[in-house]
Amino acid sequence: MVRGSIRRAAISTFDGGPQGSGAVKATISRDDELRRSSAAESLEAAIRARADVLMALVLVALGVTIFYFSWTMPRLENRHVHPATIPGLVPILLSAALTLCGLLLLWRSTRIAAPGGWSGLGALLGTRAALRVGVILALAFLHTLVLVGWLPFWAAAMAFIFAFIVLFETWLAEEPPNFLSTIAWALGIAVVGGGGISFVFERIFLVRLP
């Protein structure tokens, strides 16, 4: 009788009993959750590895470029400048270190098996967060390479601050506030910020700005 009761309990647990069925479902659910979590972590690692490949290429290209321009700088031999004090020495050393770090990162990231890394990275580049990063980089390059030198520094700083606030508070915001109030707020901060930066550096620190 005892053996029969044990058998009936086992059958009830694994084949049809309400408590056993719930335990089995909970176990299966936990296993599925663990598998999904593991797959997500593997995909994240693959995306990071492929992102490291791109970053390594950028670092190597930047390091080589800086090294070239530093190497071709005037050595001032006619002024009998010691080789240890030539103008391009520090950029040469820094660019060499940057290139070496980029090569090491490239070697490490290419050795990592990353199935689905490129496709996942491509999908990630199409997200709103990636768009925000792209806008920041575009504004930074526009301010540094175009506005500074073409406009007075205070005007370039005001334009950068104004454009940054307007873009991120309206077009790139999840819930953008009133447009006119954003324009007024951005204009006020741009005037105070751009003018304040120019005043502090030129009048207090005595730094000549472009």
N, C-alpha and C. Protein backbone atom coordinates (compact mmCIF):
# COMPACT_ATOMS: atom_id res chain seq x y z
N MET A 1 0.83 -1.20 0.00
CA MET A 1 0.00 0.00 0.00
C MET A 1 0.86 1.25 0.00
N VAL A 2 1.92 1.21 0.82
CA VAL A 2 2.80 2.37 0.87
C VAL A 2 3.46 2.58 -0.47
N ARG A 3 3.91 1.46 -1.10
CA ARG A 3 4.56 1.58 -2.40
C ARG A 3 3.60 2.14 -3.44
N GLY A 4 2.36 1.74 -3.38
CA GLY A 4 1.36 2.26 -4.32
C GLY A 4 1.09 3.73 -4.09
N SER A 5 1.06 4.16 -2.85
CA SER A 5 0.84 5.58 -2.56
C SER A 5 1.99 6.43 -3.10
N ILE A 6 3.21 5.92 -2.92
CA ILE A 6 4.37 6.67 -3.43
C ILE A 6 4.30 6.78 -4.95
N ARG A 7 3.90 5.68 -5.58
CA ARG A 7 3.82 5.72 -7.04
C ARG A 7 2.75 6.68 -7.51
N ARG A 8 1.58 6.66 -6.85
CA ARG A 8 0.51 7.58 -7.23
C ARG A 8 0.95 9.02 -7.01
N ALA A 9 1.70 9.31 -5.93
CA ALA A 9 2.16 10.67 -5.66
C ALA A 9 3.15 11.13 -6.72
N ALA A 10 4.03 10.22 -7.15
CA ALA A 10 5.00 10.58 -8.18
C ALA A 10 4.31 10.88 -9.50
N ILE A 11 3.35 10.03 -9.83
CA ILE A 11 2.61 10.27 -11.08
C ILE A 11 1.85 11.58 -11.00
N SER A 12 1.24 11.85 -9.83
CA SER A 12 0.52 13.11 -9.67
C SER A 12 1.44 14.30 -9.78
N THR A 13 2.66 14.15 -9.28
CA THR A 13 3.59 15.28 -9.28
C THR A 13 4.04 15.62 -10.69
N PHE A 14 4.37 14.62 -11.50
CA PHE A 14 4.99 14.89 -12.79
C PHE A 14 4.02 14.83 -13.96
N ASP A 15 2.85 14.28 -13.73
CA ASP A 15 1.95 14.11 -14.86
C ASP A 15 0.64 14.86 -14.76
N GLY A 16 0.24 15.26 -13.58
CA GLY A 16 -1.08 15.86 -13.60
C GLY A 16 -1.51 16.53 -12.34
N GLY A 17 -0.82 16.34 -11.24
CA GLY A 17 -1.23 16.95 -10.00
C GLY A 17 -1.10 18.45 -10.06
N PRO A 18 -1.97 19.20 -9.43
CA PRO A 18 -1.93 20.66 -9.51
C PRO A 18 -0.66 21.24 -8.91
N GLN A 19 -0.21 20.73 -7.78
CA GLN A 19 0.99 21.28 -7.17
C GLN A 19 2.22 20.92 -7.98
N GLY A 20 2.29 19.66 -8.41
CA GLY A 20 3.44 19.23 -9.20
C GLY A 20 3.50 19.95 -10.53
N SER A 21 2.35 20.15 -11.16
CA SER A 21 2.31 20.85 -12.43
C SER A 21 2.81 22.28 -12.28
N GLY A 22 2.42 22.93 -11.19
CA GLY A 22 2.89 24.30 -10.96
C GLY A 22 4.38 24.35 -10.74
N ALA A 23 4.93 23.36 -10.02
CA ALA A 23 6.37 23.34 -9.78
C ALA A 23 7.13 23.12 -11.08
N VAL A 24 6.61 22.22 -11.92
CA VAL A 24 7.27 21.95 -13.20
C VAL A 24 7.24 23.19 -14.09
N LYS A 25 6.10 23.86 -14.14
CA LYS A 25 5.99 25.07 -14.95
C LYS A 25 6.93 26.16 -14.45
N ALA A 26 7.03 26.30 -13.13
CA ALA A 26 7.92 27.30 -12.56
C ALA A 26 9.37 27.00 -12.92
N THR A 27 9.74 25.69 -12.87
CA THR A 27 11.10 25.31 -13.22
C THR A 27 11.39 25.60 -14.68
N ILE A 28 10.43 25.24 -15.54
CA ILE A 28 10.60 25.51 -16.97
C ILE A 28 10.71 27.01 -17.23
N SER A 29 9.89 27.79 -16.54
CA SER A 29 9.93 29.24 -16.71
C SER A 29 11.27 29.82 -16.29
N ARG A 30 11.80 29.32 -15.16
CA ARG A 30 13.11 29.80 -14.71
C ARG A 30 14.20 29.41 -15.70
N ASP A 31 14.11 28.19 -16.25
CA ASP A 31 15.11 27.76 -17.23
C ASP A 31 15.05 28.63 -18.49
N ASP A 32 13.82 28.92 -18.96
CA ASP A 32 13.69 29.78 -20.13
C ASP A 32 14.24 31.18 -19.86
N GLU A 33 13.97 31.69 -18.67
CA GLU A 33 14.48 33.02 -18.32
C GLU A 33 16.00 33.03 -18.27
N LEU A 34 16.58 31.97 -17.71
CA LEU A 34 18.05 31.88 -17.67
C LEU A 34 18.63 31.79 -19.07
N ARG A 35 17.98 31.02 -19.95
CA ARG A 35 18.47 30.90 -21.32
C ARG A 35 18.38 32.24 -22.05
N ARG A 36 17.27 32.94 -21.86
CA ARG A 36 17.13 34.24 -22.51
C ARG A 36 18.15 35.24 -21.97
N SER A 37 18.38 35.20 -20.66
CA SER A 37 19.37 36.09 -20.07
C SER A 37 20.77 35.79 -20.58
N SER A 38 21.09 34.50 -20.68
CA SER A 38 22.40 34.11 -21.19
C SER A 38 22.57 34.53 -22.65
N ALA A 39 21.51 34.36 -23.45
CA ALA A 39 21.59 34.77 -24.86
C ALA A 39 21.76 36.28 -24.98
N ALA A 40 21.06 37.04 -24.13
CA ALA A 40 21.19 38.50 -24.16
C ALA A 40 22.59 38.94 -23.76
N GLU A 41 23.16 38.28 -22.75
CA GLU A 41 24.52 38.62 -22.34
C GLU A 41 25.53 38.27 -23.43
N SER A 42 25.33 37.15 -24.11
CA SER A 42 26.23 36.77 -25.20
C SER A 42 26.16 37.77 -26.34
N LEU A 43 24.94 38.20 -26.69
CA LEU A 43 24.78 39.18 -27.76
C LEU A 43 25.39 40.52 -27.37
N GLU A 44 25.22 40.92 -26.12
CA GLU A 44 25.81 42.18 -25.65
C GLU A 44 27.34 42.12 -25.73
N ALA A 45 27.91 40.99 -25.33
CA ALA A 45 29.37 40.83 -25.41
C ALA A 45 29.84 40.86 -26.86
N ALA A 46 29.06 40.26 -27.77
CA ALA A 46 29.42 40.27 -29.19
C ALA A 46 29.37 41.69 -29.76
N ILE A 47 28.35 42.44 -29.38
CA ILE A 47 28.24 43.82 -29.86
C ILE A 47 29.40 44.66 -29.34
N ARG A 48 29.75 44.48 -28.07
CA ARG A 48 30.87 45.23 -27.51
C ARG A 48 32.17 44.89 -28.21
N ALA A 49 32.36 43.62 -28.54
CA ALA A 49 33.59 43.21 -29.23
C ALA A 49 33.69 43.87 -30.59
N ARG A 50 32.60 43.93 -31.34
CA ARG A 50 32.63 44.55 -32.66
C ARG A 50 32.72 46.06 -32.56
N ALA A 51 32.13 46.64 -31.53
CA ALA A 51 32.30 48.08 -31.30
C ALA A 51 33.75 48.41 -30.96
N ASP A 52 34.41 47.50 -30.23
CA ASP A 52 35.83 47.69 -29.92
C ASP A 52 36.68 47.63 -31.19
N VAL A 53 36.28 46.83 -32.16
CA VAL A 53 37.02 46.79 -33.44
C VAL A 53 36.98 48.15 -34.11
N LEU A 54 35.79 48.74 -34.19
CA LEU A 54 35.67 50.06 -34.81
C LEU A 54 36.44 51.12 -34.03
N MET A 55 36.34 51.08 -32.71
CA MET A 55 37.07 52.05 -31.90
C MET A 55 38.57 51.88 -32.05
N ALA A 56 39.04 50.65 -32.14
CA ALA A 56 40.47 50.41 -32.33
C ALA A 56 40.95 50.98 -33.66
N LEU A 57 40.16 50.82 -34.71
CA LEU A 57 40.55 51.38 -36.01
C LEU A 57 40.61 52.91 -35.95
N VAL A 58 39.67 53.51 -35.25
CA VAL A 58 39.69 54.97 -35.10
C VAL A 58 40.93 55.42 -34.33
N LEU A 59 41.25 54.72 -33.25
CA LEU A 59 42.41 55.08 -32.45
C LEU A 59 43.71 54.93 -33.25
N VAL A 60 43.82 53.85 -34.01
CA VAL A 60 45.02 53.65 -34.82
C VAL A 60 45.15 54.73 -35.88
N ALA A 61 44.05 55.04 -36.56
CA ALA A 61 44.10 56.09 -37.58
C ALA A 61 44.45 57.45 -36.98
N LEU A 62 43.86 57.75 -35.83
CA LEU A 62 44.17 59.01 -35.17
C LEU A 62 45.62 59.06 -34.71
N GLY A 63 46.10 57.97 -34.12
CA GLY A 63 47.47 57.93 -33.66
C GLY A 63 48.47 58.08 -34.80
N VAL A 64 48.24 57.39 -35.91
CA VAL A 64 49.15 57.48 -37.06
C VAL A 64 49.15 58.89 -37.64
N THR A 65 47.97 59.50 -37.72
CA THR A 65 47.89 60.86 -38.25
C THR A 65 48.65 61.85 -37.38
N ILE A 66 48.43 61.77 -36.07
CA ILE A 66 49.14 62.67 -35.16
C ILE A 66 50.64 62.43 -35.22
N PHE A 67 51.04 61.17 -35.30
CA PHE A 67 52.47 60.85 -35.38
C PHE A 67 53.09 61.45 -36.64
N TYR A 68 52.40 61.36 -37.75
CA TYR A 68 52.94 61.90 -39.01
C TYR A 68 53.14 63.41 -38.91
N PHE A 69 52.11 64.13 -38.48
CA PHE A 69 52.22 65.58 -38.41
C PHE A 69 53.22 66.02 -37.34
N SER A 70 53.33 65.25 -36.27
CA SER A 70 54.32 65.58 -35.25
C SER A 70 55.74 65.35 -35.77
N TRP A 71 55.92 64.27 -36.52
CA TRP A 71 57.25 63.95 -37.05
C TRP A 71 57.71 64.99 -38.08
N THR A 72 56.77 65.55 -38.83
CA THR A 72 57.12 66.52 -39.87
C THR A 72 57.17 67.95 -39.34
N MET A 73 56.98 68.16 -38.06
CA MET A 73 57.12 69.50 -37.51
C MET A 73 58.57 69.96 -37.58
N PRO A 74 58.79 71.28 -37.66
CA PRO A 74 60.18 71.78 -37.71
C PRO A 74 60.96 71.36 -36.47
N ARG A 75 62.19 70.91 -36.69
CA ARG A 75 63.05 70.46 -35.58
C ARG A 75 63.87 71.60 -34.98
N LEU A 76 63.91 72.75 -35.66
CA LEU A 76 64.66 73.93 -35.19
C LEU A 76 66.14 73.63 -35.01
N GLU A 77 66.70 72.90 -35.99
CA GLU A 77 68.14 72.61 -35.90
C GLU A 77 68.98 73.86 -36.02
N ASN A 78 68.49 74.83 -36.82
CA ASN A 78 69.28 76.04 -36.99
C ASN A 78 69.41 76.86 -35.71
N ARG A 79 68.54 76.58 -34.76
CA ARG A 79 68.62 77.26 -33.46
C ARG A 79 69.31 76.39 -32.41
N HIS A 80 69.87 75.28 -32.86
CA HIS A 80 70.61 74.37 -31.99
C HIS A 80 69.75 73.86 -30.83
N VAL A 81 68.51 73.52 -31.16
CA VAL A 81 67.59 72.97 -30.16
C VAL A 81 67.95 71.51 -29.92
N HIS A 82 68.01 71.13 -28.67
CA HIS A 82 68.34 69.74 -28.32
C HIS A 82 67.24 68.80 -28.81
N PRO A 83 67.59 67.63 -29.33
CA PRO A 83 66.55 66.70 -29.82
C PRO A 83 65.52 66.32 -28.77
N ALA A 84 65.90 66.37 -27.49
CA ALA A 84 64.95 66.00 -26.44
C ALA A 84 63.93 67.10 -26.16
N THR A 85 64.11 68.28 -26.78
CA THR A 85 63.20 69.39 -26.53
C THR A 85 62.54 69.90 -27.81
N ILE A 86 62.55 69.10 -28.87
CA ILE A 86 61.92 69.54 -30.11
C ILE A 86 60.41 69.66 -29.91
N PRO A 87 59.75 70.55 -30.65
CA PRO A 87 58.32 70.79 -30.42
C PRO A 87 57.43 69.55 -30.57
N GLY A 88 57.78 68.65 -31.47
CA GLY A 88 56.90 67.52 -31.72
C GLY A 88 57.18 66.28 -30.91
N LEU A 89 58.07 66.35 -29.93
CA LEU A 89 58.46 65.15 -29.20
C LEU A 89 57.30 64.56 -28.39
N VAL A 90 56.65 65.40 -27.61
CA VAL A 90 55.55 64.91 -26.77
C VAL A 90 54.40 64.36 -27.63
N PRO A 91 53.94 65.06 -28.68
CA PRO A 91 52.91 64.45 -29.53
C PRO A 91 53.34 63.14 -30.18
N ILE A 92 54.65 63.02 -30.51
CA ILE A 92 55.13 61.77 -31.09
C ILE A 92 54.97 60.63 -30.09
N LEU A 93 55.37 60.87 -28.85
CA LEU A 93 55.27 59.82 -27.83
C LEU A 93 53.81 59.47 -27.55
N LEU A 94 52.96 60.48 -27.43
CA LEU A 94 51.55 60.22 -27.14
C LEU A 94 50.87 59.51 -28.30
N SER A 95 51.17 59.91 -29.52
CA SER A 95 50.55 59.25 -30.67
C SER A 95 51.04 57.82 -30.83
N ALA A 96 52.30 57.58 -30.50
CA ALA A 96 52.81 56.20 -30.54
C ALA A 96 52.10 55.33 -29.51
N ALA A 97 51.91 55.88 -28.31
CA ALA A 97 51.19 55.13 -27.28
C ALA A 97 49.74 54.90 -27.68
N LEU A 98 49.12 55.91 -28.30
CA LEU A 98 47.73 55.76 -28.74
C LEU A 98 47.62 54.70 -29.83
N THR A 99 48.56 54.70 -30.75
CA THR A 99 48.54 53.69 -31.81
C THR A 99 48.75 52.29 -31.25
N LEU A 100 49.68 52.16 -30.31
CA LEU A 100 49.92 50.86 -29.68
C LEU A 100 48.68 50.35 -28.95
N CYS A 101 48.03 51.22 -28.20
CA CYS A 101 46.80 50.82 -27.50
C CYS A 101 45.70 50.43 -28.48
N GLY A 102 45.61 51.16 -29.59
CA GLY A 102 44.62 50.80 -30.60
C GLY A 102 44.90 49.45 -31.22
N LEU A 103 46.17 49.15 -31.49
CA LEU A 103 46.51 47.85 -32.05
C LEU A 103 46.24 46.72 -31.07
N LEU A 104 46.55 46.95 -29.80
CA LEU A 104 46.25 45.92 -28.80
C LEU A 104 44.76 45.68 -28.67
N LEU A 105 43.98 46.75 -28.69
CA LEU A 105 42.52 46.60 -28.62
C LEU A 105 41.99 45.88 -29.85
N LEU A 106 42.55 46.19 -31.01
CA LEU A 106 42.13 45.51 -32.24
C LEU A 106 42.46 44.03 -32.19
N TRP A 107 43.66 43.70 -31.72
CA TRP A 107 44.07 42.29 -31.61
C TRP A 107 43.17 41.54 -30.64
N ARG A 108 42.87 42.17 -29.51
CA ARG A 108 42.03 41.51 -28.51
C ARG A 108 40.60 41.31 -29.02
N SER A 109 40.03 42.34 -29.62
CA SER A 109 38.62 42.28 -30.01
C SER A 109 38.40 41.35 -31.20
N THR A 110 39.37 41.24 -32.09
CA THR A 110 39.19 40.34 -33.23
C THR A 110 39.35 38.88 -32.84
N ARG A 111 39.97 38.60 -31.72
CA ARG A 111 40.12 37.22 -31.26
C ARG A 111 38.87 36.71 -30.54
N ILE A 112 37.94 37.59 -30.22
CA ILE A 112 36.73 37.19 -29.51
C ILE A 112 35.68 36.70 -30.51
N ALA A 113 35.17 35.52 -30.30
CA ALA A 113 34.08 35.01 -31.14
C ALA A 113 32.82 35.79 -30.82
N ALA A 114 32.27 36.43 -31.85
CA ALA A 114 31.12 37.32 -31.63
C ALA A 114 30.06 37.07 -32.68
N PRO A 115 29.35 35.93 -32.61
CA PRO A 115 28.27 35.68 -33.58
C PRO A 115 27.13 36.68 -33.41
N GLY A 116 26.73 37.28 -34.52
CA GLY A 116 25.66 38.27 -34.48
C GLY A 116 26.11 39.63 -34.00
N GLY A 117 27.42 39.83 -33.83
CA GLY A 117 27.90 41.11 -33.30
C GLY A 117 27.70 42.26 -34.26
N TRP A 118 28.03 42.05 -35.55
CA TRP A 118 27.90 43.14 -36.52
C TRP A 118 26.44 43.52 -36.74
N SER A 119 25.58 42.52 -36.85
CA SER A 119 24.16 42.83 -37.05
C SER A 119 23.57 43.51 -35.82
N GLY A 120 23.97 43.04 -34.64
CA GLY A 120 23.49 43.69 -33.43
C GLY A 120 23.99 45.11 -33.30
N LEU A 121 25.25 45.34 -33.69
CA LEU A 121 25.80 46.70 -33.64
C LEU A 121 25.09 47.60 -34.64
N GLY A 122 24.79 47.05 -35.82
CA GLY A 122 24.05 47.84 -36.80
C GLY A 122 22.66 48.23 -36.31
N ALA A 123 22.01 47.29 -35.65
CA ALA A 123 20.69 47.61 -35.08
C ALA A 123 20.81 48.65 -33.97
N LEU A 124 21.89 48.55 -33.20
CA LEU A 124 22.09 49.51 -32.11
C LEU A 124 22.36 50.91 -32.64
N LEU A 125 23.04 51.01 -33.78
CA LEU A 125 23.34 52.31 -34.35
C LEU A 125 22.09 53.02 -34.86
N GLY A 126 21.02 52.28 -35.02
CA GLY A 126 19.79 52.90 -35.47
C GLY A 126 18.86 53.32 -34.34
N THR A 127 19.32 53.23 -33.10
CA THR A 127 18.48 53.60 -31.97
C THR A 127 18.55 55.10 -31.71
N ARG A 128 17.67 55.57 -30.85
CA ARG A 128 17.62 56.98 -30.50
C ARG A 128 18.85 57.40 -29.69
N ALA A 129 19.35 56.49 -28.87
CA ALA A 129 20.55 56.82 -28.10
C ALA A 129 21.75 57.06 -29.02
N ALA A 130 21.90 56.22 -30.06
CA ALA A 130 22.98 56.42 -31.02
C ALA A 130 22.80 57.74 -31.78
N LEU A 131 21.56 58.09 -32.07
CA LEU A 131 21.30 59.36 -32.73
C LEU A 131 21.75 60.53 -31.88
N ARG A 132 21.49 60.45 -30.57
CA ARG A 132 21.93 61.53 -29.67
C ARG A 132 23.45 61.67 -29.68
N VAL A 133 24.14 60.54 -29.63
CA VAL A 133 25.61 60.58 -29.66
C VAL A 133 26.09 61.19 -30.98
N GLY A 134 25.47 60.82 -32.09
CA GLY A 134 25.85 61.38 -33.38
C GLY A 134 25.63 62.88 -33.46
N VAL A 135 24.53 63.34 -32.88
CA VAL A 135 24.26 64.78 -32.87
C VAL A 135 25.30 65.52 -32.04
N ILE A 136 25.67 64.96 -30.89
CA ILE A 136 26.70 65.59 -30.05
C ILE A 136 28.02 65.70 -30.82
N LEU A 137 28.43 64.63 -31.49
CA LEU A 137 29.67 64.67 -32.26
C LEU A 137 29.59 65.67 -33.41
N ALA A 138 28.45 65.71 -34.08
CA ALA A 138 28.30 66.66 -35.19
C ALA A 138 28.38 68.10 -34.70
N LEU A 139 27.73 68.39 -33.59
CA LEU A 139 27.79 69.74 -33.04
C LEU A 139 29.20 70.10 -32.60
N ALA A 140 29.90 69.14 -32.00
CA ALA A 140 31.26 69.40 -31.54
C ALA A 140 32.19 69.69 -32.72
N PHE A 141 32.10 68.89 -33.78
CA PHE A 141 32.93 69.13 -34.95
C PHE A 141 32.55 70.44 -35.65
N LEU A 142 31.27 70.74 -35.72
CA LEU A 142 30.84 71.99 -36.33
C LEU A 142 31.36 73.20 -35.57
N HIS A 143 31.30 73.12 -34.23
CA HIS A 143 31.79 74.22 -33.41
C HIS A 143 33.30 74.37 -33.54
N THR A 144 34.03 73.26 -33.52
CA THR A 144 35.49 73.32 -33.50
C THR A 144 36.07 73.65 -34.86
N LEU A 145 35.56 73.03 -35.91
CA LEU A 145 36.16 73.14 -37.24
C LEU A 145 35.58 74.25 -38.10
N VAL A 146 34.37 74.70 -37.78
CA VAL A 146 33.72 75.69 -38.64
C VAL A 146 33.49 77.02 -37.92
N LEU A 147 32.80 76.95 -36.79
CA LEU A 147 32.39 78.20 -36.13
C LEU A 147 33.57 78.94 -35.51
N VAL A 148 34.43 78.20 -34.78
CA VAL A 148 35.60 78.83 -34.15
C VAL A 148 36.59 79.25 -35.24
N GLY A 149 36.88 80.52 -35.31
CA GLY A 149 37.72 81.06 -36.37
C GLY A 149 36.92 81.81 -37.40
N TRP A 150 35.72 81.33 -37.69
CA TRP A 150 34.85 82.05 -38.61
C TRP A 150 34.05 83.11 -37.87
N LEU A 151 33.67 82.81 -36.63
CA LEU A 151 32.98 83.75 -35.75
C LEU A 151 33.86 84.04 -34.54
N PRO A 152 33.63 85.14 -33.86
CA PRO A 152 34.31 85.34 -32.58
C PRO A 152 33.96 84.21 -31.61
N PHE A 153 34.86 83.93 -30.68
CA PHE A 153 34.65 82.78 -29.81
C PHE A 153 33.34 82.88 -29.04
N TRP A 154 33.01 84.06 -28.55
CA TRP A 154 31.79 84.20 -27.76
C TRP A 154 30.55 83.89 -28.60
N ALA A 155 30.57 84.30 -29.87
CA ALA A 155 29.44 84.01 -30.75
C ALA A 155 29.36 82.53 -31.08
N ALA A 156 30.52 81.89 -31.31
CA ALA A 156 30.53 80.46 -31.60
C ALA A 156 30.04 79.66 -30.40
N ALA A 157 30.47 80.07 -29.20
CA ALA A 157 30.01 79.37 -28.00
C ALA A 157 28.51 79.54 -27.80
N MET A 158 28.00 80.74 -28.02
CA MET A 158 26.56 80.97 -27.90
C MET A 158 25.78 80.12 -28.89
N ALA A 159 26.25 80.05 -30.14
CA ALA A 159 25.55 79.26 -31.15
C ALA A 159 25.56 77.78 -30.79
N PHE A 160 26.69 77.29 -30.28
CA PHE A 160 26.78 75.87 -29.90
C PHE A 160 25.82 75.56 -28.75
N ILE A 161 25.84 76.39 -27.71
CA ILE A 161 24.97 76.14 -26.55
C ILE A 161 23.50 76.22 -26.95
N PHE A 162 23.16 77.22 -27.75
CA PHE A 162 21.76 77.38 -28.18
C PHE A 162 21.29 76.18 -29.00
N ALA A 163 22.10 75.76 -29.99
CA ALA A 163 21.71 74.63 -30.83
C ALA A 163 21.62 73.34 -30.01
N PHE A 164 22.54 73.15 -29.09
CA PHE A 164 22.54 71.94 -28.26
C PHE A 164 21.25 71.84 -27.45
N ILE A 165 20.89 72.92 -26.77
CA ILE A 165 19.70 72.89 -25.92
C ILE A 165 18.44 72.70 -26.74
N VAL A 166 18.33 73.44 -27.85
CA VAL A 166 17.11 73.35 -28.66
C VAL A 166 16.94 71.94 -29.24
N LEU A 167 18.01 71.36 -29.75
CA LEU A 167 17.90 70.02 -30.34
C LEU A 167 17.53 68.96 -29.30
N PHE A 168 18.18 69.02 -28.14
CA PHE A 168 17.96 67.96 -27.16
C PHE A 168 16.69 68.18 -26.34
N GLU A 169 16.17 69.39 -26.33
CA GLU A 169 14.94 69.63 -25.59
C GLU A 169 13.69 69.54 -26.46
N THR A 170 13.86 69.52 -27.78
CA THR A 170 12.70 69.45 -28.68
C THR A 170 12.75 68.19 -29.54
N TRP A 171 13.63 68.15 -30.51
CA TRP A 171 13.65 67.06 -31.49
C TRP A 171 14.06 65.74 -30.85
N LEU A 172 15.02 65.76 -29.94
CA LEU A 172 15.54 64.50 -29.38
C LEU A 172 14.96 64.19 -28.01
N ALA A 173 14.01 64.95 -27.54
CA ALA A 173 13.41 64.71 -26.23
C ALA A 173 12.27 63.71 -26.34
N GLU A 174 12.10 62.91 -25.29
CA GLU A 174 11.00 61.96 -25.26
C GLU A 174 9.66 62.67 -25.17
N GLU A 175 9.59 63.66 -24.31
CA GLU A 175 8.38 64.47 -24.16
C GLU A 175 8.78 65.94 -24.23
N PRO A 176 8.86 66.50 -25.43
CA PRO A 176 9.34 67.88 -25.58
C PRO A 176 8.39 68.89 -24.94
N PRO A 177 8.96 69.89 -24.24
CA PRO A 177 8.12 70.93 -23.64
C PRO A 177 7.66 71.93 -24.70
N ASN A 178 7.09 73.03 -24.25
CA ASN A 178 6.64 74.06 -25.16
C ASN A 178 7.82 74.62 -25.96
N PHE A 179 7.63 74.75 -27.28
CA PHE A 179 8.75 75.14 -28.14
C PHE A 179 9.21 76.57 -27.87
N LEU A 180 8.29 77.49 -27.70
CA LEU A 180 8.67 78.88 -27.50
C LEU A 180 9.40 79.08 -26.17
N SER A 181 8.93 78.39 -25.13
CA SER A 181 9.63 78.49 -23.85
C SER A 181 11.03 77.88 -23.93
N THR A 182 11.17 76.80 -24.70
CA THR A 182 12.48 76.19 -24.89
C THR A 182 13.42 77.15 -25.61
N ILE A 183 12.91 77.84 -26.65
CA ILE A 183 13.73 78.80 -27.38
C ILE A 183 14.19 79.93 -26.46
N ALA A 184 13.28 80.45 -25.66
CA ALA A 184 13.64 81.54 -24.75
C ALA A 184 14.65 81.08 -23.71
N TRP A 185 14.44 79.89 -23.15
CA TRP A 185 15.37 79.36 -22.14
C TRP A 185 16.74 79.10 -22.74
N ALA A 186 16.77 78.50 -23.94
CA ALA A 186 18.05 78.22 -24.60
C ALA A 186 18.78 79.50 -24.96
N LEU A 187 18.05 80.52 -25.40
CA LEU A 187 18.69 81.79 -25.75
C LEU A 187 19.31 82.45 -24.52
N GLY A 188 18.60 82.42 -23.40
CA GLY A 188 19.14 83.01 -22.19
C GLY A 188 20.40 82.30 -21.71
N ILE A 189 20.36 80.96 -21.70
CA ILE A 189 21.53 80.20 -21.26
C ILE A 189 22.70 80.40 -22.23
N ALA A 190 22.41 80.49 -23.53
CA ALA A 190 23.48 80.67 -24.51
C ALA A 190 24.16 82.02 -24.32
N VAL A 191 23.38 83.05 -24.09
CA VAL A 191 23.98 84.38 -23.90
C VAL A 191 24.82 84.41 -22.63
N VAL A 192 24.27 83.91 -21.54
CA VAL A 192 25.01 83.91 -20.27
C VAL A 192 26.22 82.99 -20.35
N GLY A 193 26.03 81.77 -20.89
CA GLY A 193 27.13 80.82 -20.94
C GLY A 193 28.24 81.24 -21.89
N GLY A 194 27.88 81.59 -23.13
CA GLY A 194 28.90 81.99 -24.09
C GLY A 194 29.62 83.26 -23.68
N GLY A 195 28.85 84.26 -23.24
CA GLY A 195 29.48 85.49 -22.78
C GLY A 195 30.29 85.29 -21.52
N GLY A 196 29.81 84.45 -20.61
CA GLY A 196 30.53 84.21 -19.36
C GLY A 196 31.85 83.48 -19.60
N ILE A 197 31.84 82.48 -20.48
CA ILE A 197 33.08 81.75 -20.79
C ILE A 197 34.11 82.69 -21.39
N SER A 198 33.68 83.50 -22.34
CA SER A 198 34.60 84.43 -22.98
C SER A 198 35.15 85.44 -21.98
N PHE A 199 34.30 85.95 -21.11
CA PHE A 199 34.75 86.94 -20.12
C PHE A 199 35.75 86.35 -19.14
N VAL A 200 35.45 85.15 -18.65
CA VAL A 200 36.33 84.52 -17.65
C VAL A 200 37.71 84.25 -18.23
N PHE A 201 37.77 83.71 -19.44
CA PHE A 201 39.07 83.36 -20.01
C PHE A 201 39.85 84.59 -20.46
N GLU A 202 39.18 85.59 -21.01
CA GLU A 202 39.89 86.73 -21.54
C GLU A 202 40.22 87.77 -20.47
N ARG A 203 39.30 87.99 -19.53
CA ARG A 203 39.49 89.06 -18.55
C ARG A 203 40.12 88.59 -17.25
N ILE A 204 39.82 87.36 -16.86
CA ILE A 204 40.34 86.86 -15.57
C ILE A 204 41.60 86.04 -15.78
N PHE A 205 41.54 85.04 -16.69
CA PHE A 205 42.71 84.19 -16.93
C PHE A 205 43.66 84.78 -17.97
N LEU A 206 43.23 85.86 -18.64
CA LEU A 206 44.07 86.54 -19.65
C LEU A 206 44.50 85.59 -20.75
N VAL A 207 43.57 84.77 -21.20
CA VAL A 207 43.81 83.84 -22.31
C VAL A 207 43.20 84.41 -23.57
N ARG A 208 44.01 84.51 -24.61
CA ARG A 208 43.52 85.01 -25.88
C ARG A 208 42.71 83.93 -26.60
N LEU A 209 41.48 84.22 -26.88
CA LEU A 209 40.61 83.27 -27.55
C LEU A 209 40.52 83.61 -29.02
N PRO A 210 40.27 82.61 -29.86
CA PRO A 210 40.18 82.89 -31.32
C PRO A 210 38.97 83.72 -31.66
